Amino acid sequence: MGMKPVAWFSEVGITDRPTVGGKGGSLGELVRAGIAVPDGFVVTTAAFEQFLSALEAKEPIRPLVEALDPNDLEAATKLSEQLRARVIGDPMTNEVEGALKAALNQLCPDQRPVAVRSSATTEDADDASFAGLQDTFLWVLDDASMIEKVRECWASLYSVESMTYRRKQGLPEAGVAMAVVVQRMVEAKCAGVMFTRSPTSGDKSVITIEGAWGLGSSVVSGEVTPDKWVLGKITGEISQRDISDKHARQVPAPEGGIVEMENAADIRNAPCLTDDDLQALRAIGRKVEKHYGKPQDIEWALDQDGQVLLLQSRPETVWAQKDANPAPVVAKEADPMAHVMGLFTAGAKK
């Protein structure tokens, strides 16, 4: 693929994770598998490396992180503030900034808003799921804001959580890079997550679907308890329906970003998905699982026309790890919401 600052989803796949990160590789892979995904591009690690090299030519960054004691919270906080300020404050090279603006113009000649999402190269690997340590920004309105958000994603590599996580894992800083996904925003009627293996029992014969009105960020932030269904993977039989009181939803704000809105009484307790929607999701979940050859945790949105779009798919890790290292005692049943909160990163910036 060469080391270009920008790669389109159609040009990449999961094997390109080192240059486009977990999210970028997954979205490219979904496009290749014929799954509907909102169109977009990835700001590759080449752009990040070029930017970081320019910064490091003035003053080191990576050696400072490597010297950090992960248990010294005060030092980590101080270093995080210092490094993030540099990443957010220093100008991008003309080549990178020009490439990003040209790509956005090609993606959204109609000036549609985009989502800007971190895609760490170590994220979403089967063995190193530290989703949620990086940032996501929704409803970004123009190229200046997009470039600012790309920098903020880069800067999130130097959050206290990210740096101390890497130090505790002993990951060399030389291998740490950040790609960023820029994707046309879906004005979601409803959104949520789908597990092609039960998050509570590990059962591979069912698909669990959770969703709420509006953007998926309301589920992530824990503001709203989602509706939940369990379906037979092969039969499509719906064995469980838990419809919750969804008091609010997150919608686009006119000036960019998102705001919370109260739901009208008539939809608060109404299921956000019809049985037809559930069967459409099940069919897509099966297709994605078959493509990858293993159970998946999937983020989805339903647009205003009722089309299902996937925003992300990653290997299911909780039960895969239990299978790899079976515990001698019966494990306590996991809390499915805690699982959702931990892995669903399509949401608003924390």
Protein backbone atom coordinates (compact mmCIF):
# COMPACT_ATOMS: atom_id res chain seq x y z
CA MET A 1 0.00 0.00 0.00
CA GLY A 2 3.02 2.29 0.38
CA MET A 3 3.19 4.82 3.16
CA LYS A 4 0.57 7.38 2.14
CA PRO A 5 -0.96 9.70 4.76
CA VAL A 6 -4.48 8.65 3.67
CA ALA A 7 -5.93 5.22 2.75
CA TRP A 8 -9.57 4.63 1.71
CA PHE A 9 -11.53 1.79 3.35
CA SER A 10 -11.70 0.00 0.00
CA GLU A 11 -7.88 -0.10 -0.15
CA VAL A 12 -7.26 -1.79 3.20
CA GLY A 13 -8.04 -4.94 5.17
CA ILE A 14 -7.30 -6.54 8.51
CA THR A 15 -3.71 -7.39 7.50
CA ASP A 16 -3.04 -3.63 7.24
CA ARG A 17 -3.54 -3.19 10.99
CA PRO A 18 0.08 -1.95 11.47
CA THR A 19 -0.64 1.06 9.22
CA VAL A 20 -4.38 1.68 9.68
CA GLY A 21 -5.03 0.32 13.19
CA GLY A 22 -7.70 -2.09 14.39
CA LYS A 23 -10.74 0.00 13.46
CA GLY A 24 -9.40 1.01 10.06
CA GLY A 25 -8.46 -2.57 9.15
CA SER A 26 -11.80 -3.90 10.35
CA LEU A 27 -13.81 -1.34 8.34
CA GLY A 28 -11.81 -2.11 5.19
CA GLU A 29 -12.32 -5.82 5.80
CA LEU A 30 -16.11 -5.33 6.18
CA VAL A 31 -16.21 -3.41 2.89
CA ARG A 32 -14.33 -6.30 1.22
CA ALA A 33 -16.84 -8.76 2.68
CA GLY A 34 -19.70 -6.83 1.03
CA ILE A 35 -21.10 -5.41 4.29
CA ALA A 36 -22.67 -1.92 4.26
CA VAL A 37 -20.39 0.52 6.10
CA PRO A 38 -20.55 4.36 6.05
CA ASP A 39 -17.84 5.44 3.60
CA GLY A 40 -14.57 6.89 4.84
CA PHE A 41 -10.79 6.92 4.94
CA VAL A 42 -8.01 6.29 7.42
CA VAL A 43 -5.33 8.79 8.38
CA THR A 44 -2.52 6.22 8.38
CA THR A 45 0.28 5.74 10.87
CA ALA A 46 2.57 7.25 8.20
CA ALA A 47 0.90 10.62 8.86
CA PHE A 48 1.33 10.16 12.61
CA GLU A 49 4.98 9.09 12.26
CA GLN A 50 5.74 12.09 10.06
CA PHE A 51 4.11 14.43 12.58
CA LEU A 52 5.87 12.80 15.54
CA SER A 53 9.26 12.91 13.81
CA ALA A 54 8.86 16.66 13.33
CA LEU A 55 7.98 17.02 17.04
CA GLU A 56 10.84 14.80 18.18
CA ALA A 57 13.32 16.76 16.06
CA LYS A 58 12.71 19.60 18.53
CA GLU A 59 12.38 17.63 21.76
CA PRO A 60 11.99 13.90 22.62
CA ILE A 61 8.63 12.29 23.31
CA ARG A 62 9.01 8.50 23.15
CA PRO A 63 12.04 8.23 25.49
CA LEU A 64 10.13 10.25 28.12
CA VAL A 65 7.24 7.75 28.01
CA GLU A 66 9.62 4.78 28.19
CA ALA A 67 11.28 6.26 31.28
CA LEU A 68 7.92 6.62 33.05
CA ASP A 69 7.17 4.60 36.19
CA PRO A 70 3.56 3.43 35.59
CA ASN A 71 2.88 3.51 39.33
CA ASP A 72 3.89 7.16 39.73
CA LEU A 73 0.56 8.78 38.98
CA GLU A 74 1.76 12.31 39.64
CA ALA A 75 4.63 11.99 37.14
CA ALA A 76 2.32 10.34 34.59
CA THR A 77 -0.23 13.15 34.90
CA LYS A 78 2.44 15.81 34.49
CA LEU A 79 3.97 14.07 31.46
CA SER A 80 0.54 13.50 29.90
CA GLU A 81 -0.34 17.21 30.13
CA GLN A 82 3.01 18.20 28.64
CA LEU A 83 2.92 15.72 25.72
CA ARG A 84 -0.74 16.24 24.85
CA ALA A 85 -0.21 20.00 24.73
CA ARG A 86 2.64 19.49 22.24
CA VAL A 87 0.67 17.12 20.01
CA ILE A 88 -2.39 19.39 19.96
CA GLY A 89 -0.40 22.62 19.65
CA ASP A 90 2.20 21.89 16.96
CA PRO A 91 1.31 22.38 13.28
CA MET A 92 0.97 19.38 10.97
CA THR A 93 3.25 19.22 7.95
CA ASN A 94 1.75 20.80 4.82
CA GLU A 95 1.80 17.44 3.07
CA VAL A 96 -0.28 15.71 5.73
CA GLU A 97 -2.72 18.58 6.25
CA GLY A 98 -3.21 18.95 2.48
CA ALA A 99 -3.84 15.22 2.04
CA LEU A 100 -6.45 15.21 4.84
CA LYS A 101 -8.32 18.22 3.49
CA ALA A 102 -8.36 16.77 -0.04
CA ALA A 103 -9.65 13.42 1.26
CA LEU A 104 -12.43 15.07 3.29
CA ASN A 105 -13.47 17.11 0.26
CA GLN A 106 -13.64 13.90 -1.80
CA LEU A 107 -15.57 12.04 0.92
CA CYS A 108 -18.05 14.84 1.66
CA PRO A 109 -18.39 17.21 -1.32
CA ASP A 110 -21.88 17.79 0.14
CA GLN A 111 -20.31 19.03 3.42
CA ARG A 112 -21.83 16.16 5.39
CA PRO A 113 -20.57 15.80 8.96
CA VAL A 114 -18.10 13.04 9.83
CA ALA A 115 -17.10 10.94 12.83
CA VAL A 116 -13.41 11.02 13.75
CA ARG A 117 -12.32 7.90 15.64
CA SER A 118 -9.00 6.71 17.00
CA SER A 119 -7.66 3.47 15.52
CA ALA A 120 -4.69 2.41 17.62
CA THR A 121 -2.43 -0.14 15.99
CA THR A 122 -2.44 -2.28 19.15
CA GLU A 123 -6.19 -1.93 19.65
CA ASP A 124 -8.68 -4.66 18.73
CA ALA A 125 -6.01 -7.30 18.32
CA ASP A 126 -7.23 -10.65 19.62
CA ASP A 127 -4.87 -10.51 22.58
CA ALA A 128 -4.65 -6.81 23.44
CA SER A 129 -8.07 -5.29 23.68
CA PHE A 130 -7.69 -1.91 25.28
CA ALA A 131 -10.59 -0.33 23.52
CA GLY A 132 -11.86 2.81 25.15
CA LEU A 133 -8.45 4.28 25.97
CA GLN A 134 -8.66 6.37 22.83
CA ASP A 135 -11.09 9.00 21.63
CA THR A 136 -14.06 9.28 19.30
CA PHE A 137 -15.66 12.52 18.11
CA LEU A 138 -19.08 12.63 16.50
CA TRP A 139 -20.68 15.15 14.16
CA VAL A 140 -17.51 16.97 13.10
CA LEU A 141 -18.57 19.69 10.66
CA ASP A 142 -15.61 20.99 8.61
CA ASP A 143 -11.99 20.37 7.67
CA ALA A 144 -10.51 22.61 10.37
CA SER A 145 -12.47 20.75 13.06
CA MET A 146 -11.58 17.40 11.49
CA ILE A 147 -7.85 18.22 11.62
CA GLU A 148 -8.17 19.38 15.23
CA LYS A 149 -9.93 16.12 16.17
CA VAL A 150 -7.30 14.00 14.37
CA ARG A 151 -4.67 15.68 16.56
CA GLU A 152 -6.76 15.02 19.67
CA CYS A 153 -6.91 11.34 18.71
CA TRP A 154 -3.12 11.34 18.31
CA ALA A 155 -2.80 13.11 21.66
CA SER A 156 -4.96 10.46 23.36
CA LEU A 157 -2.02 8.05 22.96
CA TYR A 158 -0.42 10.14 25.69
CA SER A 159 -3.31 10.04 28.15
CA VAL A 160 -2.36 8.80 31.63
CA GLU A 161 -4.35 5.57 31.05
CA SER A 162 -2.76 4.83 27.67
CA MET A 163 0.82 5.52 28.76
CA THR A 164 0.60 3.58 32.03
CA TYR A 165 -1.14 0.69 30.26
CA ARG A 166 1.73 0.45 27.76
CA ARG A 167 4.37 0.68 30.46
CA LYS A 168 2.69 -2.07 32.51
CA GLN A 169 2.47 -4.25 29.37
CA GLY A 170 6.10 -3.43 28.50
CA LEU A 171 5.16 -2.35 24.96
CA PRO A 172 8.05 -0.53 23.23
CA GLU A 173 7.13 3.05 22.30
CA ALA A 174 8.78 2.64 18.89
CA GLY A 175 5.91 0.35 17.89
CA VAL A 176 3.19 2.65 19.18
CA ALA A 177 1.37 4.65 16.54
CA MET A 178 -2.11 5.98 16.00
CA ALA A 179 -4.21 5.82 12.86
CA VAL A 180 -7.48 7.76 12.74
CA VAL A 181 -10.71 6.80 10.99
CA VAL A 182 -12.73 9.59 9.31
CA GLN A 183 -16.17 8.33 8.34
CA ARG A 184 -19.41 9.81 7.05
CA MET A 185 -21.73 10.29 9.99
CA VAL A 186 -24.88 8.17 10.19
CA GLU A 187 -27.94 10.06 11.36
CA ALA A 188 -29.03 7.04 13.33
CA LYS A 189 -32.65 6.25 14.06
CA CYS A 190 -31.26 3.77 16.59
CA ALA A 191 -27.90 2.14 17.24
CA GLY A 192 -26.21 -0.40 19.46
CA VAL A 193 -24.10 -3.52 19.66
CA MET A 194 -24.44 -7.14 18.55
CA PHE A 195 -22.55 -10.14 19.91
CA THR A 196 -22.37 -13.29 17.80
CA ARG A 197 -21.71 -15.22 21.02
CA SER A 198 -23.63 -14.65 24.25
CA PRO A 199 -21.69 -12.12 26.39
CA THR A 200 -23.26 -13.62 29.54
CA SER A 201 -23.00 -17.38 28.95
CA GLY A 202 -20.57 -17.78 26.05
CA ASP A 203 -23.24 -19.68 24.08
CA LYS A 204 -22.18 -19.73 20.41
CA SER A 205 -25.63 -20.72 19.12
CA VAL A 206 -27.21 -17.33 19.87
CA ILE A 207 -26.81 -13.72 18.84
CA THR A 208 -27.42 -11.00 21.43
CA ILE A 209 -28.52 -7.59 20.11
CA GLU A 210 -28.73 -4.42 22.22
CA GLY A 211 -29.90 -1.02 21.02
CA ALA A 212 -31.42 2.34 21.90
CA TRP A 213 -32.88 5.34 20.05
CA GLY A 214 -30.50 7.83 18.46
CA LEU A 215 -26.71 7.57 18.34
CA GLY A 216 -24.95 4.64 20.00
CA SER A 217 -23.16 7.02 22.33
CA SER A 218 -26.12 7.05 24.73
CA VAL A 219 -25.58 3.33 25.33
CA VAL A 220 -21.84 3.78 25.78
CA SER A 221 -22.12 6.61 28.26
CA GLY A 222 -24.46 4.46 30.34
CA GLU A 223 -27.12 7.19 30.14
CA VAL A 224 -29.62 4.74 28.70
CA THR A 225 -30.22 1.06 29.38
CA PRO A 226 -30.60 -0.49 25.92
CA ASP A 227 -33.30 -2.85 24.71
CA LYS A 228 -31.97 -6.40 24.49
CA TRP A 229 -32.89 -9.40 22.39
CA VAL A 230 -31.46 -12.91 22.16
CA LEU A 231 -31.95 -14.77 18.85
CA GLY A 232 -31.10 -18.27 17.70
CA LYS A 233 -28.16 -17.80 15.34
CA ILE A 234 -29.44 -20.41 12.86
CA THR A 235 -33.18 -20.45 13.57
CA GLY A 236 -33.74 -16.72 14.11
CA GLU A 237 -36.11 -17.59 16.95
CA ILE A 238 -36.29 -14.71 19.46
CA SER A 239 -35.92 -16.33 22.88
CA GLN A 240 -35.57 -13.17 24.95
CA ARG A 241 -36.97 -9.62 24.70
CA ASP A 242 -36.08 -7.03 27.33
CA ILE A 243 -37.52 -3.65 26.34
CA SER A 244 -36.25 -0.90 28.63
CA ASP A 245 -37.38 2.63 29.46
CA LYS A 246 -35.15 4.68 27.14
CA HIS A 247 -35.71 8.15 28.57
CA ALA A 248 -33.26 10.01 26.32
CA ARG A 249 -31.28 9.79 23.12
CA GLN A 250 -28.20 11.53 21.77
CA VAL A 251 -28.65 13.60 18.61
CA PRO A 252 -26.45 15.94 16.54
CA ALA A 253 -25.93 19.45 17.90
CA PRO A 254 -26.26 22.27 15.32
CA GLU A 255 -22.76 23.58 16.09
CA GLY A 256 -21.18 20.11 15.89
CA GLY A 257 -20.86 17.37 18.50
CA ILE A 258 -23.87 15.78 20.18
CA VAL A 259 -26.54 16.69 22.69
CA GLU A 260 -28.93 14.65 24.78
CA MET A 261 -32.66 14.93 24.13
CA GLU A 262 -35.55 13.56 26.14
CA ASN A 263 -37.58 10.94 24.28
CA ALA A 264 -41.30 11.47 23.77
CA ALA A 265 -43.52 9.32 26.00
CA ASP A 266 -44.74 7.20 23.08
CA ILE A 267 -41.26 5.93 22.16
CA ARG A 268 -39.62 5.66 25.59
CA ASN A 269 -40.89 2.14 26.18
CA ALA A 270 -41.28 1.14 22.53
CA PRO A 271 -38.75 -1.36 21.11
CA CYS A 272 -36.19 0.47 18.97
CA LEU A 273 -35.99 -2.46 16.50
CA THR A 274 -38.74 -4.38 14.70
CA ASP A 275 -38.54 -8.16 14.29
CA ASP A 276 -37.57 -7.56 10.64
CA ASP A 277 -34.71 -5.30 11.78
CA LEU A 278 -33.56 -8.01 14.21
CA GLN A 279 -33.52 -10.64 11.45
CA ALA A 280 -31.58 -8.28 9.14
CA LEU A 281 -29.01 -7.74 11.92
CA ARG A 282 -28.80 -11.48 12.60
CA ALA A 283 -28.09 -12.19 8.92
CA ILE A 284 -25.31 -9.56 8.88
CA GLY A 285 -23.88 -10.87 12.17
CA ARG A 286 -23.68 -14.39 10.73
CA LYS A 287 -22.04 -13.11 7.55
CA VAL A 288 -19.40 -11.14 9.50
CA GLU A 289 -18.69 -14.07 11.84
CA LYS A 290 -18.32 -16.39 8.85
CA HIS A 291 -15.96 -13.93 7.14
CA TYR A 292 -13.71 -13.73 10.20
CA GLY A 293 -14.12 -17.34 11.27
CA LYS A 294 -14.71 -16.43 14.92
CA PRO A 295 -17.32 -14.73 17.14
CA GLN A 296 -17.52 -10.94 16.80
CA ASP A 297 -18.51 -7.91 18.86
CA ILE A 298 -20.19 -5.56 16.37
CA GLU A 299 -21.33 -1.92 16.52
CA TRP A 300 -24.28 -1.09 14.27
CA ALA A 301 -26.58 1.77 13.41
CA LEU A 302 -29.92 1.90 11.62
CA ASP A 303 -30.20 4.98 9.41
CA GLN A 304 -33.38 6.99 8.84
CA ASP A 305 -34.25 4.76 5.86
CA GLY A 306 -33.98 1.64 8.03
CA GLN A 307 -30.73 0.41 6.44
CA VAL A 308 -28.35 -1.42 8.77
CA LEU A 309 -24.81 -0.01 8.68
CA LEU A 310 -21.86 -1.45 10.61
CA LEU A 311 -19.51 0.94 12.40
CA GLN A 312 -17.08 -1.63 13.76
CA SER A 313 -16.45 -5.33 14.22
CA ARG A 314 -13.83 -6.84 16.48
CA PRO A 315 -13.09 -10.34 17.70
CA GLU A 316 -14.96 -11.27 20.88
CA THR A 317 -12.25 -11.47 23.56
CA VAL A 318 -13.85 -12.27 26.93
CA TRP A 319 -14.99 -15.82 26.14
CA ALA A 320 -12.14 -16.44 23.69
CA GLN A 321 -9.70 -15.84 26.57
CA LYS A 322 -11.71 -18.13 28.85
CA ASP A 323 -11.58 -20.85 26.19
CA ALA A 324 -7.82 -20.37 25.87
CA ASN A 325 -7.29 -20.44 29.65
CA PRO A 326 -10.13 -22.48 31.16
CA ALA A 327 -10.64 -21.71 34.83
CA PRO A 328 -10.70 -24.70 37.22
CA VAL A 329 -13.80 -23.29 38.94
CA VAL A 330 -17.07 -22.19 37.36
CA ALA A 331 -16.72 -18.49 36.56
CA LYS A 332 -19.35 -16.10 37.89
CA GLU A 333 -21.66 -14.98 35.10
CA ALA A 334 -20.39 -11.72 33.65
CA ASP A 335 -22.47 -8.55 33.71
CA PRO A 336 -23.32 -7.99 30.04
CA MET A 337 -23.60 -4.20 30.45
CA ALA A 338 -20.12 -3.99 31.95
CA HIS A 339 -18.92 -5.91 28.91
CA VAL A 340 -20.70 -3.50 26.56
CA MET A 341 -19.33 -0.45 28.36
CA GLY A 342 -15.81 -1.81 28.15
CA LEU A 343 -15.73 -2.49 24.46
CA PHE A 344 -18.17 -0.18 22.70
CA THR A 345 -16.13 2.77 21.48
CA ALA A 346 -18.43 4.32 18.94
CA GLY A 347 -19.59 6.70 21.62
CA ALA A 348 -18.99 10.23 22.60
CA LYS A 349 -15.60 11.33 23.82
CA LYS A 350 -15.30 10.48 27.46
